[in-house]
Amino acid sequence: ARFLAHRAVVAAQSPVLLQELERLPLQHLSQEGIQACIFRVDPRISKDVWRFALQFLYTGTLQHCHFVNDGQRMVELLRACALYKLPKPLLDFVQAALFQVLPNTGPSLALQV
């Protein structure tokens, strides 16, 4: 999946994304008729999880997380927070959710954390 995001918004929230976006060249996206950087998110992070992270970067709110009880997706969100140094409120949210979910999951998921 492809998500369009404003460089200023995501770079202001993540020093890692700022660094990545500064080094990437602009490319013409003919379908949208714009110039943009193409940043590839770690493949271990699903599109639903990245969409939620971007929604948080834009709004600063943690509403409508439909996967809050899904341990695998919450581990993906934790991974996104760690890899891209996403804001602390998002990290706090995922840690609290995992605290509730992990006791009911198998050891393989716990080992990913």
PDB file of N, CA and C in Angstrom:
ATOM      1  N   ALA A   1       0.843  -1.188   0.000  1.00  0.00           N
ATOM      2  CA  ALA A   1       0.000   0.000   0.000  1.00  0.00           C
ATOM      3  C   ALA A   1       0.879   1.239   0.000  1.00  0.00           C
ATOM      4  N   ARG A   2       0.321   2.295  -0.461  1.00  0.00           N
ATOM      5  CA  ARG A   2       1.063   3.552  -0.525  1.00  0.00           C
ATOM      6  C   ARG A   2       0.265   4.618   0.214  1.00  0.00           C
ATOM      7  N   PHE A   3       0.962   5.358   1.072  1.00  0.00           N
ATOM      8  CA  PHE A   3       0.345   6.445   1.810  1.00  0.00           C
ATOM      9  C   PHE A   3       1.091   7.726   1.489  1.00  0.00           C
ATOM     10  N   LEU A   4       0.364   8.763   1.195  1.00  0.00           N
ATOM     11  CA  LEU A   4       0.969  10.076   0.985  1.00  0.00           C
ATOM     12  C   LEU A   4       0.903  10.831   2.302  1.00  0.00           C
ATOM     13  N   ALA A   5       2.019  11.428   2.681  1.00  0.00           N
ATOM     14  CA  ALA A   5       2.074  12.200   3.917  1.00  0.00           C
ATOM     15  C   ALA A   5       2.940  13.429   3.680  1.00  0.00           C
ATOM     16  N   HIS A   6       2.671  14.475   4.413  1.00  0.00           N
ATOM     17  CA  HIS A   6       3.455  15.704   4.291  1.00  0.00           C
ATOM     18  C   HIS A   6       4.766  15.552   5.055  1.00  0.00           C
ATOM     19  N   ARG A   7       5.835  15.853   4.383  1.00  0.00           N
ATOM     20  CA  ARG A   7       7.168  15.743   4.978  1.00  0.00           C
ATOM     21  C   ARG A   7       7.257  16.535   6.282  1.00  0.00           C
ATOM     22  N   ALA A   8       6.715  17.725   6.299  1.00  0.00           N
ATOM     23  CA  ALA A   8       6.815  18.577   7.486  1.00  0.00           C
ATOM     24  C   ALA A   8       6.119  17.936   8.696  1.00  0.00           C
ATOM     25  N   VAL A   9       5.022  17.260   8.461  1.00  0.00           N
ATOM     26  CA  VAL A   9       4.269  16.649   9.565  1.00  0.00           C
ATOM     27  C   VAL A   9       5.036  15.472  10.154  1.00  0.00           C
ATOM     28  N   VAL A  10       5.427  14.529   9.317  1.00  0.00           N
ATOM     29  CA  VAL A  10       6.087  13.338   9.854  1.00  0.00           C
ATOM     30  C   VAL A  10       7.504  13.641  10.343  1.00  0.00           C
ATOM     31  N   ALA A  11       8.203  14.525   9.668  1.00  0.00           N
ATOM     32  CA  ALA A  11       9.573  14.854  10.071  1.00  0.00           C
ATOM     33  C   ALA A  11       9.596  15.602  11.404  1.00  0.00           C
ATOM     34  N   ALA A  12       8.568  16.383  11.672  1.00  0.00           N
ATOM     35  CA  ALA A  12       8.502  17.109  12.945  1.00  0.00           C
ATOM     36  C   ALA A  12       8.279  16.167  14.126  1.00  0.00           C
ATOM     37  N   GLN A  13       7.751  14.978  13.861  1.00  0.00           N
ATOM     38  CA  GLN A  13       7.418  14.041  14.921  1.00  0.00           C
ATOM     39  C   GLN A  13       8.447  12.932  15.099  1.00  0.00           C
ATOM     40  N   SER A  14       9.330  12.763  14.107  1.00  0.00           N
ATOM     41  CA  SER A  14      10.269  11.642  14.139  1.00  0.00           C
ATOM     42  C   SER A  14      11.629  12.060  13.591  1.00  0.00           C
ATOM     43  N   PRO A  15      12.666  12.059  14.436  1.00  0.00           N
ATOM     44  CA  PRO A  15      14.000  12.415  13.932  1.00  0.00           C
ATOM     45  C   PRO A  15      14.507  11.417  12.890  1.00  0.00           C
ATOM     46  N   VAL A  16      14.100  10.174  12.992  1.00  0.00           N
ATOM     47  CA  VAL A  16      14.526   9.158  12.029  1.00  0.00           C
ATOM     48  C   VAL A  16      13.893   9.426  10.671  1.00  0.00           C
ATOM     49  N   LEU A  17      12.592   9.704  10.658  1.00  0.00           N
ATOM     50  CA  LEU A  17      11.927  10.010   9.394  1.00  0.00           C
ATOM     51  C   LEU A  17      12.460  11.306   8.799  1.00  0.00           C
ATOM     52  N   LEU A  18      12.771  12.301   9.625  1.00  0.00           N
ATOM     53  CA  LEU A  18      13.377  13.534   9.137  1.00  0.00           C
ATOM     54  C   LEU A  18      14.671  13.224   8.400  1.00  0.00           C
ATOM     55  N   GLN A  19      15.541  12.458   9.023  1.00  0.00           N
ATOM     56  CA  GLN A  19      16.827  12.099   8.419  1.00  0.00           C
ATOM     57  C   GLN A  19      16.625  11.333   7.106  1.00  0.00           C
ATOM     58  N   GLU A  20      15.721  10.373   7.106  1.00  0.00           N
ATOM     59  CA  GLU A  20      15.454   9.590   5.897  1.00  0.00           C
ATOM     60  C   GLU A  20      14.917  10.470   4.774  1.00  0.00           C
ATOM     61  N   LEU A  21      13.967  11.317   5.089  1.00  0.00           N
ATOM     62  CA  LEU A  21      13.351  12.160   4.060  1.00  0.00           C
ATOM     63  C   LEU A  21      14.314  13.207   3.515  1.00  0.00           C
ATOM     64  N   GLU A  22      15.258  13.654   4.339  1.00  0.00           N
ATOM     65  CA  GLU A  22      16.251  14.617   3.862  1.00  0.00           C
ATOM     66  C   GLU A  22      17.226  13.998   2.867  1.00  0.00           C
ATOM     67  N   ARG A  23      17.496  12.709   3.009  1.00  0.00           N
ATOM     68  CA  ARG A  23      18.470  12.072   2.128  1.00  0.00           C
ATOM     69  C   ARG A  23      17.859  11.500   0.847  1.00  0.00           C
ATOM     70  N   LEU A  24      16.545  11.300   0.844  1.00  0.00           N
ATOM     71  CA  LEU A  24      15.890  10.706  -0.322  1.00  0.00           C
ATOM     72  C   LEU A  24      15.618  11.748  -1.400  1.00  0.00           C
ATOM     73  N   PRO A  25      15.838  11.388  -2.661  1.00  0.00           N
ATOM     74  CA  PRO A  25      15.561  12.345  -3.746  1.00  0.00           C
ATOM     75  C   PRO A  25      14.055  12.443  -4.019  1.00  0.00           C
ATOM     76  N   LEU A  26      13.651  13.580  -4.554  1.00  0.00           N
ATOM     77  CA  LEU A  26      12.268  13.743  -4.982  1.00  0.00           C
ATOM     78  C   LEU A  26      12.054  12.962  -6.275  1.00  0.00           C
ATOM     79  N   GLN A  27      10.901  12.358  -6.384  1.00  0.00           N
ATOM     80  CA  GLN A  27      10.525  11.628  -7.591  1.00  0.00           C
ATOM     81  C   GLN A  27       9.166  12.129  -8.044  1.00  0.00           C
ATOM     82  N   HIS A  28       8.950  12.091  -9.349  1.00  0.00           N
ATOM     83  CA  HIS A  28       7.661  12.517  -9.878  1.00  0.00           C
ATOM     84  C   HIS A  28       6.669  11.362  -9.769  1.00  0.00           C
ATOM     85  N   LEU A  29       5.538  11.626  -9.130  1.00  0.00           N
ATOM     86  CA  LEU A  29       4.450  10.652  -9.041  1.00  0.00           C
ATOM     87  C   LEU A  29       3.385  11.071 -10.050  1.00  0.00           C
ATOM     88  N   SER A  30       3.404  10.431 -11.191  1.00  0.00           N
ATOM     89  CA  SER A  30       2.533  10.855 -12.288  1.00  0.00           C
ATOM     90  C   SER A  30       1.052  10.691 -11.950  1.00  0.00           C
ATOM     91  N   GLN A  31       0.702   9.656 -11.214  1.00  0.00           N
ATOM     92  CA  GLN A  31      -0.701   9.429 -10.871  1.00  0.00           C
ATOM     93  C   GLN A  31      -1.277  10.593 -10.064  1.00  0.00           C
ATOM     94  N   GLU A  32      -0.455  11.140  -9.140  1.00  0.00           N
ATOM     95  CA  GLU A  32      -0.915  12.250  -8.305  1.00  0.00           C
ATOM     96  C   GLU A  32      -0.523  13.607  -8.878  1.00  0.00           C
ATOM     97  N   GLY A  33       0.429  13.615  -9.816  1.00  0.00           N
ATOM     98  CA  GLY A  33       0.893  14.872 -10.392  1.00  0.00           C
ATOM     99  C   GLY A  33       1.713  15.702  -9.423  1.00  0.00           C
ATOM    100  N   ILE A  34       2.502  15.035  -8.579  1.00  0.00           N
ATOM    101  CA  ILE A  34       3.309  15.742  -7.577  1.00  0.00           C
ATOM    102  C   ILE A  34       4.720  15.184  -7.547  1.00  0.00           C
ATOM    103  N   GLN A  35       5.607  15.920  -6.892  1.00  0.00           N
ATOM    104  CA  GLN A  35       6.953  15.455  -6.598  1.00  0.00           C
ATOM    105  C   GLN A  35       6.964  15.011  -5.142  1.00  0.00           C
ATOM    106  N   ALA A  36       7.561  13.854  -4.869  1.00  0.00           N
ATOM    107  CA  ALA A  36       7.572  13.338  -3.496  1.00  0.00           C
ATOM    108  C   ALA A  36       8.755  12.406  -3.299  1.00  0.00           C
ATOM    109  N   CYS A  37       9.117  12.212  -2.044  1.00  0.00           N
ATOM    110  CA  CYS A  37      10.113  11.211  -1.669  1.00  0.00           C
ATOM    111  C   CYS A  37       9.383   9.890  -1.471  1.00  0.00           C
ATOM    112  N   ILE A  38      10.014   8.819  -1.886  1.00  0.00           N
ATOM    113  CA  ILE A  38       9.453   7.488  -1.671  1.00  0.00           C
ATOM    114  C   ILE A  38      10.208   6.856  -0.505  1.00  0.00           C
ATOM    115  N   PHE A  39       9.511   6.674   0.596  1.00  0.00           N
ATOM    116  CA  PHE A  39      10.101   6.060   1.782  1.00  0.00           C
ATOM    117  C   PHE A  39       9.425   4.721   1.995  1.00  0.00           C
ATOM    118  N   ARG A  40      10.209   3.674   2.104  1.00  0.00           N
ATOM    119  CA  ARG A  40       9.669   2.330   2.300  1.00  0.00           C
ATOM    120  C   ARG A  40       9.737   1.971   3.784  1.00  0.00           C
ATOM    121  N   VAL A  41       8.580   1.721   4.344  1.00  0.00           N
ATOM    122  CA  VAL A  41       8.460   1.337   5.750  1.00  0.00           C
ATOM    123  C   VAL A  41       8.947  -0.097   5.898  1.00  0.00           C
ATOM    124  N   ASP A  42       9.514  -0.411   7.035  1.00  0.00           N
ATOM    125  CA  ASP A  42       9.967  -1.768   7.331  1.00  0.00           C
ATOM    126  C   ASP A  42       8.852  -2.760   6.981  1.00  0.00           C
ATOM    127  N   PRO A  43       9.172  -3.802   6.223  1.00  0.00           N
ATOM    128  CA  PRO A  43       8.135  -4.739   5.783  1.00  0.00           C
ATOM    129  C   PRO A  43       7.461  -5.527   6.912  1.00  0.00           C
ATOM    130  N   ARG A  44       8.023  -5.488   8.105  1.00  0.00           N
ATOM    131  CA  ARG A  44       7.405  -6.169   9.244  1.00  0.00           C
ATOM    132  C   ARG A  44       6.282  -5.340   9.880  1.00  0.00           C
ATOM    133  N   ILE A  45       6.036  -4.154   9.309  1.00  0.00           N
ATOM    134  CA  ILE A  45       4.979  -3.270   9.811  1.00  0.00           C
ATOM    135  C   ILE A  45       3.861  -3.250   8.775  1.00  0.00           C
ATOM    136  N   SER A  46       2.685  -3.722   9.155  1.00  0.00           N
ATOM    137  CA  SER A  46       1.566  -3.818   8.219  1.00  0.00           C
ATOM    138  C   SER A  46       1.011  -2.442   7.863  1.00  0.00           C
ATOM    139  N   LYS A  47       0.252  -2.419   6.765  1.00  0.00           N
ATOM    140  CA  LYS A  47      -0.317  -1.140   6.328  1.00  0.00           C
ATOM    141  C   LYS A  47      -1.316  -0.593   7.347  1.00  0.00           C
ATOM    142  N   ASP A  48      -2.078  -1.455   8.024  1.00  0.00           N
ATOM    143  CA  ASP A  48      -3.021  -0.979   9.042  1.00  0.00           C
ATOM    144  C   ASP A  48      -2.290  -0.299  10.197  1.00  0.00           C
ATOM    145  N   VAL A  49      -1.190  -0.893  10.594  1.00  0.00           N
ATOM    146  CA  VAL A  49      -0.412  -0.328  11.703  1.00  0.00           C
ATOM    147  C   VAL A  49       0.223   0.992  11.286  1.00  0.00           C
ATOM    148  N   TRP A  50       0.773   1.061  10.079  1.00  0.00           N
ATOM    149  CA  TRP A  50       1.412   2.309   9.624  1.00  0.00           C
ATOM    150  C   TRP A  50       0.355   3.393   9.435  1.00  0.00           C
ATOM    151  N   ARG A  51      -0.815   3.025   8.949  1.00  0.00           N
ATOM    152  CA  ARG A  51      -1.900   3.997   8.793  1.00  0.00           C
ATOM    153  C   ARG A  51      -2.261   4.589  10.158  1.00  0.00           C
ATOM    154  N   PHE A  52      -2.338   3.736  11.178  1.00  0.00           N
ATOM    155  CA  PHE A  52      -2.653   4.222  12.525  1.00  0.00           C
ATOM    156  C   PHE A  52      -1.555   5.158  13.037  1.00  0.00           C
ATOM    157  N   ALA A  53      -0.285   4.787  12.797  1.00  0.00           N
ATOM    158  CA  ALA A  53       0.832   5.636  13.234  1.00  0.00           C
ATOM    159  C   ALA A  53       0.771   6.996  12.536  1.00  0.00           C
ATOM    160  N   LEU A  54       0.516   6.993  11.233  1.00  0.00           N
ATOM    161  CA  LEU A  54       0.401   8.269  10.511  1.00  0.00           C
ATOM    162  C   LEU A  54      -0.777   9.090  11.021  1.00  0.00           C
ATOM    163  N   GLN A  55      -1.880   8.424  11.300  1.00  0.00           N
ATOM    164  CA  GLN A  55      -3.045   9.136  11.842  1.00  0.00           C
ATOM    165  C   GLN A  55      -2.673   9.825  13.149  1.00  0.00           C
ATOM    166  N   PHE A  56      -1.898   9.127  13.992  1.00  0.00           N
ATOM    167  CA  PHE A  56      -1.458   9.743  15.237  1.00  0.00           C
ATOM    168  C   PHE A  56      -0.537  10.933  14.961  1.00  0.00           C
ATOM    169  N   LEU A  57       0.389  10.792  14.015  1.00  0.00           N
ATOM    170  CA  LEU A  57       1.313  11.888  13.705  1.00  0.00           C
ATOM    171  C   LEU A  57       0.562  13.134  13.244  1.00  0.00           C
ATOM    172  N   TYR A  58      -0.523  12.938  12.537  1.00  0.00           N
ATOM    173  CA  TYR A  58      -1.317  14.067  12.056  1.00  0.00           C
ATOM    174  C   TYR A  58      -2.236  14.661  13.115  1.00  0.00           C
ATOM    175  N   THR A  59      -2.826  13.814  13.949  1.00  0.00           N
ATOM    176  CA  THR A  59      -3.870  14.307  14.865  1.00  0.00           C
ATOM    177  C   THR A  59      -3.431  14.404  16.319  1.00  0.00           C
ATOM    178  N   GLY A  60      -2.435  13.608  16.696  1.00  0.00           N
ATOM    179  CA  GLY A  60      -2.025  13.577  18.091  1.00  0.00           C
ATOM    180  C   GLY A  60      -3.001  12.831  18.980  1.00  0.00           C
ATOM    181  N   THR A  61      -3.962  12.130  18.362  1.00  0.00           N
ATOM    182  CA  THR A  61      -4.947  11.392  19.146  1.00  0.00           C
ATOM    183  C   THR A  61      -4.814   9.897  18.880  1.00  0.00           C
ATOM    184  N   LEU A  62      -5.268   9.122  19.844  1.00  0.00           N
ATOM    185  CA  LEU A  62      -5.175   7.662  19.772  1.00  0.00           C
ATOM    186  C   LEU A  62      -6.567   7.052  19.682  1.00  0.00           C
ATOM    187  N   GLN A  63      -7.348   7.534  18.776  1.00  0.00           N
ATOM    188  CA  GLN A  63      -8.717   7.048  18.626  1.00  0.00           C
ATOM    189  C   GLN A  63      -8.794   5.993  17.535  1.00  0.00           C
ATOM    190  N   HIS A  64      -9.775   5.128  17.662  1.00  0.00           N
ATOM    191  CA  HIS A  64     -10.116   4.155  16.621  1.00  0.00           C
ATOM    192  C   HIS A  64      -8.996   3.165  16.317  1.00  0.00           C
ATOM    193  N   CYS A  65      -8.344   2.673  17.337  1.00  0.00           N
ATOM    194  CA  CYS A  65      -7.343   1.625  17.136  1.00  0.00           C
ATOM    195  C   CYS A  65      -8.078   0.289  17.193  1.00  0.00           C
ATOM    196  N   HIS A  66      -8.471  -0.212  16.033  1.00  0.00           N
ATOM    197  CA  HIS A  66      -9.273  -1.432  15.974  1.00  0.00           C
ATOM    198  C   HIS A  66      -8.459  -2.694  16.256  1.00  0.00           C
ATOM    199  N   PHE A  67      -7.147  -2.561  16.376  1.00  0.00           N
ATOM    200  CA  PHE A  67      -6.319  -3.745  16.633  1.00  0.00           C
ATOM    201  C   PHE A  67      -5.681  -3.720  18.021  1.00  0.00           C
ATOM    202  N   VAL A  68      -6.253  -2.970  18.947  1.00  0.00           N
ATOM    203  CA  VAL A  68      -5.665  -2.816  20.277  1.00  0.00           C
ATOM    204  C   VAL A  68      -5.548  -4.148  21.021  1.00  0.00           C
ATOM    205  N   ASN A  69      -6.397  -5.108  20.710  1.00  0.00           N
ATOM    206  CA  ASN A  69      -6.335  -6.418  21.360  1.00  0.00           C
ATOM    207  C   ASN A  69      -5.610  -7.467  20.532  1.00  0.00           C
ATOM    208  N   ASP A  70      -5.004  -7.052  19.444  1.00  0.00           N
ATOM    209  CA  ASP A  70      -4.274  -7.946  18.542  1.00  0.00           C
ATOM    210  C   ASP A  70      -2.781  -7.831  18.872  1.00  0.00           C
ATOM    211  N   GLY A  71      -2.275  -8.818  19.577  1.00  0.00           N
ATOM    212  CA  GLY A  71      -0.881  -8.779  20.023  1.00  0.00           C
ATOM    213  C   GLY A  71       0.113  -8.603  18.894  1.00  0.00           C
ATOM    214  N   GLN A  72      -0.092  -9.285  17.779  1.00  0.00           N
ATOM    215  CA  GLN A  72       0.842  -9.183  16.647  1.00  0.00           C
ATOM    216  C   GLN A  72       0.891  -7.761  16.106  1.00  0.00           C
ATOM    217  N   ARG A  73      -0.267  -7.161  15.930  1.00  0.00           N
ATOM    218  CA  ARG A  73      -0.297  -5.782  15.399  1.00  0.00           C
ATOM    219  C   ARG A  73       0.299  -4.800  16.407  1.00  0.00           C
ATOM    220  N   MET A  74       0.062  -5.038  17.687  1.00  0.00           N
ATOM    221  CA  MET A  74       0.630  -4.130  18.687  1.00  0.00           C
ATOM    222  C   MET A  74       2.155  -4.257  18.724  1.00  0.00           C
ATOM    223  N   VAL A  75       2.675  -5.456  18.486  1.00  0.00           N
ATOM    224  CA  VAL A  75       4.131  -5.623  18.385  1.00  0.00           C
ATOM    225  C   VAL A  75       4.648  -4.862  17.164  1.00  0.00           C
ATOM    226  N   GLU A  76       3.908  -4.890  16.075  1.00  0.00           N
ATOM    227  CA  GLU A  76       4.299  -4.116  14.888  1.00  0.00           C
ATOM    228  C   GLU A  76       4.333  -2.624  15.208  1.00  0.00           C
ATOM    229  N   LEU A  77       3.349  -2.143  15.966  1.00  0.00           N
ATOM    230  CA  LEU A  77       3.328  -0.730  16.338  1.00  0.00           C
ATOM    231  C   LEU A  77       4.493  -0.400  17.264  1.00  0.00           C
ATOM    232  N   LEU A  78       4.809  -1.297  18.179  1.00  0.00           N
ATOM    233  CA  LEU A  78       5.978  -1.103  19.033  1.00  0.00           C
ATOM    234  C   LEU A  78       7.247  -1.039  18.186  1.00  0.00           C
ATOM    235  N   ARG A  79       7.333  -1.915  17.198  1.00  0.00           N
ATOM    236  CA  ARG A  79       8.484  -1.918  16.291  1.00  0.00           C
ATOM    237  C   ARG A  79       8.584  -0.583  15.546  1.00  0.00           C
ATOM    238  N   ALA A  80       7.453  -0.079  15.069  1.00  0.00           N
ATOM    239  CA  ALA A  80       7.448   1.215  14.380  1.00  0.00           C
ATOM    240  C   ALA A  80       7.929   2.326  15.310  1.00  0.00           C
ATOM    241  N   CYS A  81       7.441   2.307  16.552  1.00  0.00           N
ATOM    242  CA  CYS A  81       7.867   3.327  17.526  1.00  0.00           C
ATOM    243  C   CYS A  81       9.374   3.271  17.759  1.00  0.00           C
ATOM    244  N   ALA A  82       9.908   2.061  17.873  1.00  0.00           N
ATOM    245  CA  ALA A  82      11.339   1.906  18.144  1.00  0.00           C
ATOM    246  C   ALA A  82      12.191   2.258  16.923  1.00  0.00           C
ATOM    247  N   LEU A  83      11.810   1.756  15.762  1.00  0.00           N
ATOM    248  CA  LEU A  83      12.611   1.997  14.553  1.00  0.00           C
ATOM    249  C   LEU A  83      12.625   3.453  14.130  1.00  0.00           C
ATOM    250  N   TYR A  84      11.484   4.112  14.239  1.00  0.00           N
ATOM    251  CA  TYR A  84      11.350   5.473  13.712  1.00  0.00           C
ATOM    252  C   TYR A  84      11.273   6.533  14.802  1.00  0.00           C
ATOM    253  N   LYS A  85      11.514   6.129  16.049  1.00  0.00           N
ATOM    254  CA  LYS A  85      11.491   7.054  17.194  1.00  0.00           C
ATOM    255  C   LYS A  85      10.245   7.924  17.160  1.00  0.00           C
ATOM    256  N   LEU A  86       9.099   7.256  17.123  1.00  0.00           N
ATOM    257  CA  LEU A  86       7.823   7.959  17.101  1.00  0.00           C
ATOM    258  C   LEU A  86       7.539   8.550  18.480  1.00  0.00           C
ATOM    259  N   PRO A  87       6.623   9.502  18.564  1.00  0.00           N
ATOM    260  CA  PRO A  87       6.397  10.240  19.816  1.00  0.00           C
ATOM    261  C   PRO A  87       6.050   9.349  21.013  1.00  0.00           C
ATOM    262  N   LYS A  88       6.467   9.817  22.176  1.00  0.00           N
ATOM    263  CA  LYS A  88       6.291   9.071  23.424  1.00  0.00           C
ATOM    264  C   LYS A  88       4.838   8.705  23.733  1.00  0.00           C
ATOM    265  N   PRO A  89       3.853   9.572  23.497  1.00  0.00           N
ATOM    266  CA  PRO A  89       2.477   9.150  23.788  1.00  0.00           C
ATOM    267  C   PRO A  89       2.048   7.901  22.996  1.00  0.00           C
ATOM    268  N   LEU A  90       2.528   7.756  21.780  1.00  0.00           N
ATOM    269  CA  LEU A  90       2.216   6.561  20.996  1.00  0.00           C
ATOM    270  C   LEU A  90       2.925   5.345  21.585  1.00  0.00           C
ATOM    271  N   LEU A  91       4.174   5.516  21.975  1.00  0.00           N
ATOM    272  CA  LEU A  91       4.927   4.439  22.617  1.00  0.00           C
ATOM    273  C   LEU A  91       4.267   4.025  23.935  1.00  0.00           C
ATOM    274  N   ASP A  92       3.845   4.998  24.734  1.00  0.00           N
ATOM    275  CA  ASP A  92       3.167   4.698  26.000  1.00  0.00           C
ATOM    276  C   ASP A  92       1.875   3.913  25.751  1.00  0.00           C
ATOM    277  N   PHE A  93       1.129   4.301  24.726  1.00  0.00           N
ATOM    278  CA  PHE A  93      -0.115   3.622  24.374  1.00  0.00           C
ATOM    279  C   PHE A  93       0.147   2.160  24.034  1.00  0.00           C
ATOM    280  N   VAL A  94       1.123   1.904  23.183  1.00  0.00           N
ATOM    281  CA  VAL A  94       1.387   0.533  22.746  1.00  0.00           C
ATOM    282  C   VAL A  94       1.934  -0.315  23.896  1.00  0.00           C
ATOM    283  N   GLN A  95       2.750   0.261  24.742  1.00  0.00           N
ATOM    284  CA  GLN A  95       3.276  -0.490  25.884  1.00  0.00           C
ATOM    285  C   GLN A  95       2.159  -0.878  26.842  1.00  0.00           C
ATOM    286  N   ALA A  96       1.236   0.036  27.108  1.00  0.00           N
ATOM    287  CA  ALA A  96       0.108  -0.271  27.992  1.00  0.00           C
ATOM    288  C   ALA A  96      -0.786  -1.348  27.379  1.00  0.00           C
ATOM    289  N   ALA A  97      -1.007  -1.267  26.078  1.00  0.00           N
ATOM    290  CA  ALA A  97      -1.837  -2.269  25.403  1.00  0.00           C
ATOM    291  C   ALA A  97      -1.155  -3.636  25.433  1.00  0.00           C
ATOM    292  N   LEU A  98       0.129  -3.668  25.178  1.00  0.00           N
ATOM    293  CA  LEU A  98       0.854  -4.945  25.203  1.00  0.00           C
ATOM    294  C   LEU A  98       0.872  -5.552  26.597  1.00  0.00           C
ATOM    295  N   PHE A  99       0.935  -4.724  27.610  1.00  0.00           N
ATOM    296  CA  PHE A  99       0.903  -5.205  28.993  1.00  0.00           C
ATOM    297  C   PHE A  99      -0.371  -5.999  29.245  1.00  0.00           C
ATOM    298  N   GLN A 100      -1.463  -5.560  28.618  1.00  0.00           N
ATOM    299  CA  GLN A 100      -2.748  -6.248  28.776  1.00  0.00           C
ATOM    300  C   GLN A 100      -2.842  -7.496  27.896  1.00  0.00           C
ATOM    301  N   VAL A 101      -2.242  -7.462  26.717  1.00  0.00           N
ATOM    302  CA  VAL A 101      -2.414  -8.519  25.714  1.00  0.00           C
ATOM    303  C   VAL A 101      -1.426  -9.673  25.885  1.00  0.00           C
ATOM    304  N   LEU A 102      -0.194  -9.388  26.231  1.00  0.00           N
ATOM    305  CA  LEU A 102       0.855 -10.413  26.240  1.00  0.00           C
ATOM    306  C   LEU A 102       0.572 -11.619  27.144  1.00  0.00           C
ATOM    307  N   PRO A 103      -0.027 -11.445  28.321  1.00  0.00           N
ATOM    308  CA  PRO A 103      -0.274 -12.638  29.147  1.00  0.00           C
ATOM    309  C   PRO A 103      -1.169 -13.683  28.474  1.00  0.00           C
ATOM    310  N   ASN A 104      -1.944 -13.281  27.479  1.00  0.00           N
ATOM    311  CA  ASN A 104      -2.861 -14.200  26.811  1.00  0.00           C
ATOM    312  C   ASN A 104      -2.352 -14.682  25.458  1.00  0.00           C
ATOM    313  N   THR A 105      -1.088 -14.446  25.163  1.00  0.00           N
ATOM    314  CA  THR A 105      -0.539 -14.841  23.874  1.00  0.00           C
ATOM    315  C   THR A 105       0.553 -15.901  24.075  1.00  0.00           C
ATOM    316  N   GLY A 106       0.964 -16.486  22.976  1.00  0.00           N
ATOM    317  CA  GLY A 106       2.004 -17.487  23.029  1.00  0.00           C
ATOM    318  C   GLY A 106       3.383 -16.893  23.235  1.00  0.00           C
ATOM    319  N   PRO A 107       4.333 -17.745  23.594  1.00  0.00           N
ATOM    320  CA  PRO A 107       5.685 -17.259  23.865  1.00  0.00           C
ATOM    321  C   PRO A 107       6.373 -16.669  22.631  1.00  0.00           C
ATOM    322  N   SER A 108       6.030 -17.120  21.433  1.00  0.00           N
ATOM    323  CA  SER A 108       6.709 -16.592  20.242  1.00  0.00           C
ATOM    324  C   SER A 108       6.428 -15.093  20.074  1.00  0.00           C
ATOM    325  N   LEU A 109       5.224 -14.660  20.383  1.00  0.00           N
ATOM    326  CA  LEU A 109       4.909 -13.233  20.290  1.00  0.00           C
ATOM    327  C   LEU A 109       5.654 -12.465  21.378  1.00  0.00           C
ATOM    328  N   ALA A 110       5.673 -12.987  22.591  1.00  0.00           N
ATOM    329  CA  ALA A 110       6.377 -12.327  23.688  1.00  0.00           C
ATOM    330  C   ALA A 110       7.848 -12.149  23.383  1.00  0.00           C
ATOM    331  N   LEU A 111       8.437 -13.118  22.695  1.00  0.00           N
ATOM    332  CA  LEU A 111       9.863 -13.037  22.363  1.00  0.00           C
ATOM    333  C   LEU A 111      10.145 -11.948  21.325  1.00  0.00           C
ATOM    334  N   GLN A 112       9.150 -11.562  20.539  1.00  0.00           N
ATOM    335  CA  GLN A 112       9.343 -10.484  19.571  1.00  0.00           C
ATOM    336  C   GLN A 112       9.479  -9.142  20.256  1.00  0.00           C
ATOM    337  N   VAL A 113       8.903  -9.020  21.439  1.00  0.00           N
ATOM    338  CA  VAL A 113       8.949  -7.771  22.179  1.00  0.00           C
ATOM    339  C   VAL A 113      10.320  -7.651  22.795  1.00  0.00           C
TER     340      VAL A 113
END
